[in-house]
C-alpha atoms as a PDB file:
ATOM      1  CA  MET A   1      -1.875  41.837 -68.510  1.00  0.00           C
ATOM      2  CA  ARG A   2      -1.058  40.111 -71.931  1.00  0.00           C
ATOM      3  CA  VAL A   3       0.000  41.945 -75.131  1.00  0.00           C
ATOM      4  CA  ALA A   4       0.409  41.236 -77.922  1.00  0.00           C
ATOM      5  CA  VAL A   5       3.426  42.723 -79.408  1.00  0.00           C
ATOM      6  CA  ILE A   6       3.610  42.968 -83.488  1.00  0.00           C
ATOM      7  CA  SER A   7       6.094  44.862 -85.843  1.00  0.00           C
ATOM      8  CA  ASP A   8       6.950  45.676 -89.520  1.00  0.00           C
ATOM      9  CA  ILE A   9       3.799  45.364 -91.077  1.00  0.00           C
ATOM     10  CA  HIS A  10       4.811  47.031 -94.001  1.00  0.00           C
ATOM     11  CA  ALA A  11       1.347  47.529 -95.792  1.00  0.00           C
ATOM     12  CA  ASN A  12       0.725  43.798 -96.064  1.00  0.00           C
ATOM     13  CA  TYR A  13      -2.917  43.809 -94.984  1.00  0.00           C
ATOM     14  CA  HIS A  14      -3.734  40.141 -95.633  1.00  0.00           C
ATOM     15  CA  ALA A  15      -0.624  39.514 -93.305  1.00  0.00           C
ATOM     16  CA  LEU A  16      -2.081  41.577 -90.642  1.00  0.00           C
ATOM     17  CA  GLU A  17      -5.720  40.028 -90.987  1.00  0.00           C
ATOM     18  CA  HIS A  18      -4.351  36.955 -90.091  1.00  0.00           C
ATOM     19  CA  VAL A  19      -2.563  37.696 -87.139  1.00  0.00           C
ATOM     20  CA  LEU A  20      -5.266  39.697 -85.722  1.00  0.00           C
ATOM     21  CA  ALA A  21      -7.277  37.058 -85.937  1.00  0.00           C
ATOM     22  CA  GLU A  22      -5.134  34.781 -83.744  1.00  0.00           C
ATOM     23  CA  ILE A  23      -3.968  37.602 -81.575  1.00  0.00           C
ATOM     24  CA  ASP A  24      -7.836  38.049 -80.686  1.00  0.00           C
ATOM     25  CA  ALA A  25      -7.979  33.857 -80.430  1.00  0.00           C
ATOM     26  CA  ALA A  26      -5.504  33.763 -77.746  1.00  0.00           C
ATOM     27  CA  GLY A  27      -7.191  36.709 -75.986  1.00  0.00           C
ATOM     28  CA  VAL A  28      -4.717  39.862 -74.878  1.00  0.00           C
ATOM     29  CA  ASP A  29      -5.410  43.089 -73.041  1.00  0.00           C
ATOM     30  CA  ALA A  30      -3.696  44.917 -75.395  1.00  0.00           C
ATOM     31  CA  VAL A  31      -1.936  45.625 -78.597  1.00  0.00           C
ATOM     32  CA  TRP A  32       1.250  47.268 -78.966  1.00  0.00           C
ATOM     33  CA  CYS A  33       2.775  47.567 -82.561  1.00  0.00           C
ATOM     34  CA  LEU A  34       6.879  48.733 -83.041  1.00  0.00           C
ATOM     35  CA  GLY A  35       6.375  50.617 -86.334  1.00  0.00           C
ATOM     36  CA  ASP A  36       6.668  50.671 -90.438  1.00  0.00           C
ATOM     37  CA  THR A  37       3.193  49.971 -90.619  1.00  0.00           C
ATOM     38  CA  VAL A  38       3.674  51.058 -94.134  1.00  0.00           C
ATOM     39  CA  GLY A  39       6.371  50.890 -96.739  1.00  0.00           C
ATOM     40  CA  TYR A  40       7.158  47.842 -99.431  1.00  0.00           C
ATOM     41  CA  GLY A  41       3.482  46.262 -99.235  1.00  0.00           C
ATOM     42  CA  PRO A  42       0.181  47.338-101.375  1.00  0.00           C
ATOM     43  CA  LEU A  43      -2.525  48.344 -98.989  1.00  0.00           C
ATOM     44  CA  PRO A  44      -0.890  50.793 -96.980  1.00  0.00           C
ATOM     45  CA  ASN A  45      -3.957  52.953 -95.636  1.00  0.00           C
ATOM     46  CA  GLU A  46      -5.892  49.601 -95.144  1.00  0.00           C
ATOM     47  CA  CYS A  47      -3.161  48.822 -92.136  1.00  0.00           C
ATOM     48  CA  CYS A  48      -3.135  52.256 -91.007  1.00  0.00           C
ATOM     49  CA  ASP A  49      -6.746  52.223 -90.491  1.00  0.00           C
ATOM     50  CA  THR A  50      -6.305  49.076 -88.782  1.00  0.00           C
ATOM     51  CA  MET A  51      -3.863  50.028 -86.425  1.00  0.00           C
ATOM     52  CA  ARG A  52      -5.740  53.131 -85.724  1.00  0.00           C
ATOM     53  CA  ALA A  53      -8.173  50.971 -84.768  1.00  0.00           C
ATOM     54  CA  ARG A  54      -6.699  47.954 -82.866  1.00  0.00           C
ATOM     55  CA  ALA A  55      -3.126  49.205 -81.580  1.00  0.00           C
ATOM     56  CA  ASP A  56      -2.955  50.581 -77.876  1.00  0.00           C
ATOM     57  CA  ARG A  57       0.665  51.661 -78.667  1.00  0.00           C
ATOM     58  CA  CYS A  58       2.167  51.769 -82.101  1.00  0.00           C
ATOM     59  CA  LEU A  59       5.906  53.393 -82.498  1.00  0.00           C
ATOM     60  CA  VAL A  60       7.146  55.434 -86.242  1.00  0.00           C
ATOM     61  CA  GLY A  61       9.159  53.570 -88.130  1.00  0.00           C
ATOM     62  CA  ASN A  62      11.342  54.484 -90.871  1.00  0.00           C
ATOM     63  CA  HIS A  63       9.189  53.750 -93.845  1.00  0.00           C
ATOM     64  CA  ASP A  64       6.335  55.458 -92.362  1.00  0.00           C
ATOM     65  CA  LEU A  65       8.991  58.494 -91.715  1.00  0.00           C
ATOM     66  CA  VAL A  66      10.391  58.827 -95.253  1.00  0.00           C
ATOM     67  CA  VAL A  67       6.560  58.847 -96.825  1.00  0.00           C
ATOM     68  CA  LEU A  68       5.824  61.766 -94.600  1.00  0.00           C
ATOM     69  CA  GLY A  69       9.031  63.392 -96.120  1.00  0.00           C
ATOM     70  CA  GLU A  70      10.307  63.284 -92.563  1.00  0.00           C
ATOM     71  CA  LEU A  71      13.492  61.454 -94.117  1.00  0.00           C
ATOM     72  CA  ALA A  72      14.588  61.318 -97.713  1.00  0.00           C
ATOM     73  CA  VAL A  73      14.290  58.749-100.138  1.00  0.00           C
ATOM     74  CA  SER A  74      17.542  58.928-101.307  1.00  0.00           C
ATOM     75  CA  ASP A  75      18.690  57.399 -97.609  1.00  0.00           C
ATOM     76  CA  PHE A  76      16.831  53.759 -98.917  1.00  0.00           C
ATOM     77  CA  ASN A  77      17.617  51.221-101.639  1.00  0.00           C
ATOM     78  CA  ASP A  78      16.199  51.630-105.183  1.00  0.00           C
ATOM     79  CA  GLU A  79      13.395  48.902-104.526  1.00  0.00           C
ATOM     80  CA  ALA A  80      12.679  50.528-101.012  1.00  0.00           C
ATOM     81  CA  ALA A  81      12.813  54.007-102.351  1.00  0.00           C
ATOM     82  CA  ALA A  82      10.271  52.967-105.061  1.00  0.00           C
ATOM     83  CA  ALA A  83       7.817  51.545-102.505  1.00  0.00           C
ATOM     84  CA  ALA A  84       8.218  54.846-100.827  1.00  0.00           C
ATOM     85  CA  THR A  85       7.377  57.020-103.526  1.00  0.00           C
ATOM     86  CA  TRP A  86       4.410  55.115-104.762  1.00  0.00           C
ATOM     87  CA  THR A  87       3.021  54.600-101.088  1.00  0.00           C
ATOM     88  CA  ALA A  88       3.244  58.342-100.529  1.00  0.00           C
ATOM     89  CA  SER A  89       1.204  58.945-103.429  1.00  0.00           C
ATOM     90  CA  VAL A  90      -1.701  56.994-102.348  1.00  0.00           C
ATOM     91  CA  LEU A  91      -1.544  57.537 -98.590  1.00  0.00           C
ATOM     92  CA  SER A  92      -5.177  59.139 -97.516  1.00  0.00           C
ATOM     93  CA  GLU A  93      -4.842  62.140 -95.350  1.00  0.00           C
ATOM     94  CA  PRO A  94      -5.850  60.357 -92.169  1.00  0.00           C
ATOM     95  CA  SER A  95      -3.898  57.847 -92.630  1.00  0.00           C
ATOM     96  CA  ARG A  96      -1.224  60.932 -92.622  1.00  0.00           C
ATOM     97  CA  GLU A  97      -2.396  62.239 -89.944  1.00  0.00           C
ATOM     98  CA  PHE A  98      -2.053  58.588 -88.095  1.00  0.00           C
ATOM     99  CA  LEU A  99       1.467  58.498 -88.848  1.00  0.00           C
ATOM    100  CA  ALA A 100       2.484  61.886 -88.395  1.00  0.00           C
ATOM    101  CA  GLY A 101       1.277  61.857 -84.647  1.00  0.00           C
ATOM    102  CA  LEU A 102       3.232  58.591 -83.259  1.00  0.00           C
ATOM    103  CA  LYS A 103       7.151  58.197 -82.399  1.00  0.00           C
ATOM    104  CA  PRO A 104      10.138  55.621 -82.487  1.00  0.00           C
ATOM    105  CA  TYR A 105      10.281  55.359 -78.743  1.00  0.00           C
ATOM    106  CA  ALA A 106       7.889  54.661 -75.554  1.00  0.00           C
ATOM    107  CA  ALA A 107       7.900  53.263 -72.415  1.00  0.00           C
ATOM    108  CA  ASP A 108       5.777  51.213 -70.215  1.00  0.00           C
ATOM    109  CA  ASP A 109       5.592  49.923 -66.763  1.00  0.00           C
ATOM    110  CA  GLY A 110       8.883  47.733 -66.913  1.00  0.00           C
ATOM    111  CA  VAL A 111       9.251  47.801 -70.660  1.00  0.00           C
ATOM    112  CA  GLU A 112      10.838  49.791 -73.127  1.00  0.00           C
ATOM    113  CA  LEU A 113      10.018  49.867 -76.785  1.00  0.00           C
ATOM    114  CA  PHE A 114      12.180  51.243 -79.974  1.00  0.00           C
ATOM    115  CA  HIS A 115      11.436  50.551 -83.264  1.00  0.00           C
ATOM    116  CA  ALA A 116      15.122  50.232 -84.027  1.00  0.00           C
ATOM    117  CA  SER A 117      17.374  50.408 -80.972  1.00  0.00           C
ATOM    118  CA  ALA A 118      18.036  52.681 -77.667  1.00  0.00           C
ATOM    119  CA  ARG A 119      21.175  54.072 -80.146  1.00  0.00           C
ATOM    120  CA  ASP A 120      19.344  54.744 -82.652  1.00  0.00           C
ATOM    121  CA  PRO A 121      15.275  54.290 -82.511  1.00  0.00           C
ATOM    122  CA  VAL A 122      15.384  54.656 -86.406  1.00  0.00           C
ATOM    123  CA  TRP A 123      17.751  53.305 -88.222  1.00  0.00           C
ATOM    124  CA  GLU A 124      19.682  50.474 -86.304  1.00  0.00           C
ATOM    125  CA  TYR A 125      19.527  47.218 -86.798  1.00  0.00           C
ATOM    126  CA  VAL A 126      19.814  44.708 -83.381  1.00  0.00           C
ATOM    127  CA  LEU A 127      21.308  41.878 -85.045  1.00  0.00           C
ATOM    128  CA  THR A 128      24.709  41.526 -83.358  1.00  0.00           C
ATOM    129  CA  GLU A 129      26.417  41.054 -80.176  1.00  0.00           C
ATOM    130  CA  GLU A 130      27.624  44.906 -79.608  1.00  0.00           C
ATOM    131  CA  ALA A 131      24.600  46.528 -80.900  1.00  0.00           C
ATOM    132  CA  ALA A 132      21.987  44.537 -78.346  1.00  0.00           C
ATOM    133  CA  HIS A 133      24.506  45.470 -75.736  1.00  0.00           C
ATOM    134  CA  ALA A 134      24.248  48.864 -76.527  1.00  0.00           C
ATOM    135  CA  THR A 135      20.402  48.741 -76.568  1.00  0.00           C
ATOM    136  CA  LEU A 136      20.472  47.325 -73.256  1.00  0.00           C
ATOM    137  CA  ASP A 137      23.408  49.451 -71.788  1.00  0.00           C
ATOM    138  CA  LEU A 138      21.177  52.448 -72.518  1.00  0.00           C
ATOM    139  CA  SER A 139      17.845  51.446 -71.522  1.00  0.00           C
ATOM    140  CA  HIS A 140      16.899  50.781 -68.039  1.00  0.00           C
ATOM    141  CA  ALA A 141      13.788  48.584 -68.159  1.00  0.00           C
ATOM    142  CA  PRO A 142      13.985  44.349 -67.395  1.00  0.00           C
ATOM    143  CA  LEU A 143      12.212  44.366 -70.859  1.00  0.00           C
ATOM    144  CA  VAL A 144      13.417  46.123 -74.384  1.00  0.00           C
ATOM    145  CA  LEU A 145      11.208  45.251 -77.455  1.00  0.00           C
ATOM    146  CA  VAL A 146      12.848  46.099 -80.594  1.00  0.00           C
ATOM    147  CA  GLY A 147      11.905  45.618 -84.448  1.00  0.00           C
ATOM    148  CA  HIS A 148      13.372  47.333 -87.817  1.00  0.00           C
ATOM    149  CA  SER A 149      15.417  44.169 -88.161  1.00  0.00           C
ATOM    150  CA  HIS A 150      12.330  41.518 -89.328  1.00  0.00           C
ATOM    151  CA  VAL A 151      14.386  39.067 -87.366  1.00  0.00           C
ATOM    152  CA  ALA A 152      12.686  37.404 -84.545  1.00  0.00           C
ATOM    153  CA  LEU A 153      15.191  37.500 -81.508  1.00  0.00           C
ATOM    154  CA  ALA A 154      15.366  36.579 -77.914  1.00  0.00           C
ATOM    155  CA  LEU A 155      18.958  38.172 -76.206  1.00  0.00           C
ATOM    156  CA  THR A 156      19.655  38.030 -72.647  1.00  0.00           C
ATOM    157  CA  LEU A 157      22.011  40.410 -71.143  1.00  0.00           C
ATOM    158  CA  ASP A 158      24.104  37.024 -68.718  1.00  0.00           C
ATOM    159  CA  GLY A 159      26.562  39.181 -66.703  1.00  0.00           C
ATOM    160  CA  ASP A 160      28.737  41.491 -69.014  1.00  0.00           C
ATOM    161  CA  ALA A 161      27.498  38.892 -72.172  1.00  0.00           C
ATOM    162  CA  VAL A 162      24.621  38.979 -74.450  1.00  0.00           C
ATOM    163  CA  THR A 163      23.466  35.293 -74.782  1.00  0.00           C
ATOM    164  CA  GLY A 164      20.332  33.810 -77.086  1.00  0.00           C
ATOM    165  CA  GLY A 165      19.452  34.499 -80.546  1.00  0.00           C
ATOM    166  CA  LEU A 166      16.875  33.513 -83.338  1.00  0.00           C
ATOM    167  CA  ALA A 167      13.406  32.840 -81.787  1.00  0.00           C
ATOM    168  CA  VAL A 168      11.686  30.303 -84.101  1.00  0.00           C
ATOM    169  CA  GLY A 169       8.051  30.208 -83.749  1.00  0.00           C
ATOM    170  CA  GLY A 170       6.741  28.135 -81.288  1.00  0.00           C
ATOM    171  CA  THR A 171       9.914  29.570 -78.871  1.00  0.00           C
ATOM    172  CA  GLU A 172       8.503  30.218 -75.224  1.00  0.00           C
ATOM    173  CA  GLN A 173      10.768  31.946 -72.778  1.00  0.00           C
ATOM    174  CA  ARG A 174      10.308  32.807 -69.074  1.00  0.00           C
ATOM    175  CA  LEU A 175      11.947  36.417 -68.817  1.00  0.00           C
ATOM    176  CA  SER A 176      13.990  36.422 -65.427  1.00  0.00           C
ATOM    177  CA  GLY A 177      16.340  39.048 -65.662  1.00  0.00           C
ATOM    178  CA  ARG A 178      17.015  41.401 -68.540  1.00  0.00           C
ATOM    179  CA  TRP A 179      15.732  40.573 -72.278  1.00  0.00           C
ATOM    180  CA  LEU A 180      15.662  42.269 -75.735  1.00  0.00           C
ATOM    181  CA  LEU A 181      12.824  40.609 -77.540  1.00  0.00           C
ATOM    182  CA  ASN A 182      12.010  41.201 -81.328  1.00  0.00           C
ATOM    183  CA  PRO A 183       8.840  39.886 -82.333  1.00  0.00           C
ATOM    184  CA  GLY A 184       9.902  39.491 -85.649  1.00  0.00           C
ATOM    185  CA  SER A 185       7.647  40.805 -88.834  1.00  0.00           C
ATOM    186  CA  VAL A 186       4.251  40.778 -90.014  1.00  0.00           C
ATOM    187  CA  GLY A 187       4.566  41.485 -93.496  1.00  0.00           C
ATOM    188  CA  GLN A 188       7.732  40.819 -94.894  1.00  0.00           C
ATOM    189  CA  PRO A 189       9.636  38.592 -92.648  1.00  0.00           C
ATOM    190  CA  ARG A 190      13.825  37.645 -93.002  1.00  0.00           C
ATOM    191  CA  ASP A 191      14.292  35.215 -90.960  1.00  0.00           C
ATOM    192  CA  GLY A 192      13.988  32.270 -93.519  1.00  0.00           C
ATOM    193  CA  ASP A 193      10.368  31.454 -92.577  1.00  0.00           C
ATOM    194  CA  PRO A 194       7.492  33.327 -94.200  1.00  0.00           C
ATOM    195  CA  ARG A 195       5.039  33.251 -92.212  1.00  0.00           C
ATOM    196  CA  ALA A 196       4.055  36.296 -90.137  1.00  0.00           C
ATOM    197  CA  ALA A 197       5.392  36.889 -86.928  1.00  0.00           C
ATOM    198  CA  TRP A 198       4.067  38.388 -83.622  1.00  0.00           C
ATOM    199  CA  LEU A 199       5.093  37.746 -79.827  1.00  0.00           C
ATOM    200  CA  LEU A 200       2.564  37.107 -76.983  1.00  0.00           C
ATOM    201  CA  LEU A 201       3.920  38.537 -73.797  1.00  0.00           C
ATOM    202  CA  ASP A 202       2.590  37.977 -70.163  1.00  0.00           C
ATOM    203  CA  LEU A 203       3.722  40.750 -68.149  1.00  0.00           C
ATOM    204  CA  GLU A 204       2.824  39.451 -64.900  1.00  0.00           C
ATOM    205  CA  ARG A 205       4.178  35.991 -64.986  1.00  0.00           C
ATOM    206  CA  ARG A 206       7.582  37.407 -67.462  1.00  0.00           C
ATOM    207  CA  PHE A 207       6.511  34.905 -70.020  1.00  0.00           C
ATOM    208  CA  ALA A 208       6.966  35.418 -74.125  1.00  0.00           C
ATOM    209  CA  ALA A 209       5.455  33.232 -76.848  1.00  0.00           C
ATOM    210  CA  PHE A 210       6.764  33.495 -80.404  1.00  0.00           C
ATOM    211  CA  HIS A 211       4.080  32.854 -82.813  1.00  0.00           C
ATOM    212  CA  ARG A 212       3.950  32.554 -86.639  1.00  0.00           C
ATOM    213  CA  VAL A 213       1.097  32.568 -88.658  1.00  0.00           C
ATOM    214  CA  ALA A 214       0.289  31.636 -92.391  1.00  0.00           C
ATOM    215  CA  TYR A 215      -1.354  33.952 -94.595  1.00  0.00           C
ATOM    216  CA  PRO A 216      -2.278  34.065 -98.413  1.00  0.00           C
ATOM    217  CA  ILE A 217       1.462  35.508 -99.674  1.00  0.00           C
ATOM    218  CA  GLU A 218       0.038  35.305-103.443  1.00  0.00           C
ATOM    219  CA  LYS A 219      -2.723  37.617-102.844  1.00  0.00           C
ATOM    220  CA  THR A 220      -0.512  39.835-101.622  1.00  0.00           C
ATOM    221  CA  GLN A 221       1.841  39.454-104.409  1.00  0.00           C
ATOM    222  CA  SER A 222      -0.390  39.617-106.473  1.00  0.00           C
ATOM    223  CA  GLU A 223      -1.628  43.408-105.825  1.00  0.00           C
ATOM    224  CA  MET A 224       1.839  44.617-105.042  1.00  0.00           C
ATOM    225  CA  LEU A 225       2.557  43.431-108.967  1.00  0.00           C
ATOM    226  CA  GLU A 226      -0.857  45.314-110.125  1.00  0.00           C
ATOM    227  CA  ARG A 227       0.454  48.131-108.258  1.00  0.00           C
ATOM    228  CA  GLY A 228       3.616  48.430-110.028  1.00  0.00           C
ATOM    229  CA  LEU A 229       5.829  47.768-106.995  1.00  0.00           C
ATOM    230  CA  PRO A 230       8.939  46.612-107.655  1.00  0.00           C
ATOM    231  CA  PRO A 231       8.611  42.487-108.652  1.00  0.00           C
ATOM    232  CA  ALA A 232      11.726  41.327-106.496  1.00  0.00           C
ATOM    233  CA  LEU A 233       9.947  42.941-103.439  1.00  0.00           C
ATOM    234  CA  ALA A 234       6.840  40.551-104.181  1.00  0.00           C
ATOM    235  CA  ALA A 235       9.104  37.615-104.549  1.00  0.00           C
ATOM    236  CA  ARG A 236      10.875  37.856-101.464  1.00  0.00           C
ATOM    237  CA  LEU A 237       7.881  37.396 -99.594  1.00  0.00           C
ATOM    238  CA  GLU A 238       7.656  33.507-100.467  1.00  0.00           C
ATOM    239  CA  ARG A 239      10.980  33.241 -99.187  1.00  0.00           C
ATOM    240  CA  GLY A 240      10.808  34.610 -95.711  1.00  0.00           C
ATOM    241  CA  GLU A 241      13.955  36.846 -96.854  1.00  0.00           C
END
């Protein structure tokens, strides 16, 4: 089974379109999304509509939960809070119903999926060896998928040590043993590469390939500014941070 894994779309519809075009060209059996379909970006309803139609499995993230009123806006920094408040004001009822039906955790045959981590499926960033070790210890599947950090990662448990690190575009990895993978972010990468990220998994061959896709960043930036979203959120897209 070939699966495309995406995460952290953040209402960046142009990035999502270009990623899905590449996924379609690659040929997959399923699309899995690890959450945060909305937040930060300018086209939340378009992204929700697309994920409702295209995702075979979709998780909820913290930015999805805050626009539903399930998390406090005060838990977010000022720019994220401003974007969440705006998103909540424009979110359609079908989008709300879609997001409200999602969970931050799921499991498939030999795979566990978390928006953030096994220790805290909504909030924890898996960016340290300790956090990765905790998620691998608390999960049971050979393969664990996480999002939330917007950083593409490939980490493995080697005895008692976690090894691996940043997975740049073009990274290919055989998945013998236990692995924790983060596909990176579609809509707001933070690993220094502004291109949209996605992950191709071949679950039968135990193989992973990390992909990056160029998209018209300036279109998303213009739409963000037109809607009064914080300029800093638009500016960071071109820097991949």
